[in-house]
Amino acid sequence: MANFNVGETVQALDELRIWTKARILNISEDHEKSCIYTVTFPGWDASHNRNVNEKQLRKPVPPYEERQRSEYFMHLKKLIFNLWPDLNILCQCS
């Protein structure tokens, strides 16, 4: 059973084994009943499309620096709201 859908944006391992933004073009099953995904890499022509298995795909994740920044701000926000709980009420937008 496929965990990804045709047209979905994912990250796939490219020829250099680097996680790269990709889009699923096709899903097929091989003789062992596992899914084979045909992916395309934006900005590259069709000659760079690859057939990959599910282990070579993942949901998109932000770059390391961006993840670090968002985790830092999440902890900072928690600290501020723990120190000044009244700010939480002021900062909520509806």
Protein backbone atom coordinates (compact mmCIF):
# COMPACT_ATOMS: atom_id res chain seq x y z
CA MET A 1 0.00 0.00 0.00
CA ALA A 2 1.40 3.39 -1.00
CA ASN A 3 2.05 5.96 1.72
CA PHE A 4 2.58 8.68 -0.86
CA ASN A 5 0.32 9.95 -3.66
CA VAL A 6 0.90 10.91 -7.28
CA GLY A 7 1.65 14.63 -7.52
CA GLU A 8 2.78 14.88 -3.89
CA THR A 9 5.90 16.90 -3.11
CA VAL A 10 8.44 14.81 -1.20
CA GLN A 11 12.15 14.52 -0.66
CA ALA A 12 13.90 11.70 -2.50
CA LEU A 13 17.46 10.46 -2.55
CA ASP A 14 19.10 11.60 -5.77
CA GLU A 15 21.96 9.90 -7.62
CA LEU A 16 24.44 11.31 -5.09
CA ARG A 17 22.36 9.99 -2.14
CA ILE A 18 21.36 13.54 -1.12
CA TRP A 19 17.81 14.29 0.03
CA THR A 20 16.37 16.52 -2.70
CA LYS A 21 12.97 18.08 -3.33
CA ALA A 22 10.99 15.87 -5.73
CA ARG A 23 7.47 15.22 -6.99
CA ILE A 24 5.89 11.80 -7.46
CA LEU A 25 4.93 11.11 -11.09
CA ASN A 26 3.83 7.48 -10.91
CA ILE A 27 3.37 4.61 -8.46
CA SER A 28 3.61 0.96 -9.49
CA GLU A 29 3.97 -2.35 -7.67
CA ASP A 30 6.80 -4.73 -8.39
CA HIS A 31 6.58 -8.53 -8.24
CA GLU A 32 7.19 -8.50 -4.44
CA LYS A 33 4.11 -6.28 -3.84
CA SER A 34 6.20 -3.30 -2.78
CA CYS A 35 5.70 0.12 -4.34
CA ILE A 36 8.06 1.66 -6.85
CA TYR A 37 7.77 5.44 -7.18
CA THR A 38 8.82 7.40 -10.23
CA VAL A 39 9.94 10.86 -9.09
CA THR A 40 10.95 14.01 -10.90
CA PHE A 41 13.26 16.69 -9.54
CA PRO A 42 12.08 20.28 -10.18
CA GLY A 43 14.44 22.17 -12.45
CA TRP A 44 15.83 18.98 -14.02
CA ASP A 45 14.66 17.39 -17.25
CA ALA A 46 13.03 13.95 -17.54
CA SER A 47 16.37 12.20 -18.02
CA HIS A 48 16.98 12.75 -14.29
CA ASN A 49 13.72 11.08 -13.18
CA ARG A 50 14.32 8.10 -10.90
CA ASN A 51 12.50 5.00 -9.78
CA VAL A 52 12.85 4.69 -6.01
CA ASN A 53 11.38 2.57 -3.25
CA GLU A 54 9.62 3.87 -0.16
CA LYS A 55 12.84 3.88 1.90
CA GLN A 56 14.27 6.45 -0.51
CA LEU A 57 11.36 8.87 0.05
CA ARG A 58 10.34 11.05 2.96
CA LYS A 59 7.96 13.87 3.74
CA PRO A 60 9.67 17.25 3.20
CA VAL A 61 11.60 18.61 6.18
CA PRO A 62 13.08 22.10 6.44
CA PRO A 63 16.85 22.52 6.16
CA TYR A 64 18.84 21.93 9.35
CA GLU A 65 19.43 25.63 10.04
CA GLU A 66 15.71 26.41 9.66
CA ARG A 67 14.76 23.57 12.03
CA GLN A 68 17.28 24.84 14.59
CA ARG A 69 15.90 28.37 14.32
CA SER A 70 12.27 27.28 14.74
CA GLU A 71 13.14 25.06 17.74
CA TYR A 72 15.03 27.97 19.31
CA PHE A 73 12.09 30.34 18.91
CA MET A 74 9.64 27.73 20.20
CA HIS A 75 11.69 27.36 23.41
CA LEU A 76 12.07 31.14 23.68
CA LYS A 77 8.32 31.63 23.32
CA LYS A 78 7.66 29.00 26.01
CA LEU A 79 10.10 30.71 28.35
CA ILE A 80 8.56 34.16 27.80
CA PHE A 81 5.00 32.92 28.33
CA ASN A 82 6.04 31.03 31.46
CA LEU A 83 7.63 34.18 32.87
CA TRP A 84 4.77 36.50 31.82
CA PRO A 85 1.55 34.47 31.45
CA ASP A 86 -0.50 37.63 30.75
CA LEU A 87 1.33 37.99 27.42
CA ASN A 88 -0.24 34.76 26.19
CA ILE A 89 -3.69 36.36 26.31
CA LEU A 90 -2.47 39.52 24.54
CA CYS A 91 -0.70 37.60 21.76
CA GLN A 92 -3.56 35.29 20.79
CA CYS A 93 -5.19 36.34 17.55
CA SER A 94 -8.58 35.10 16.43
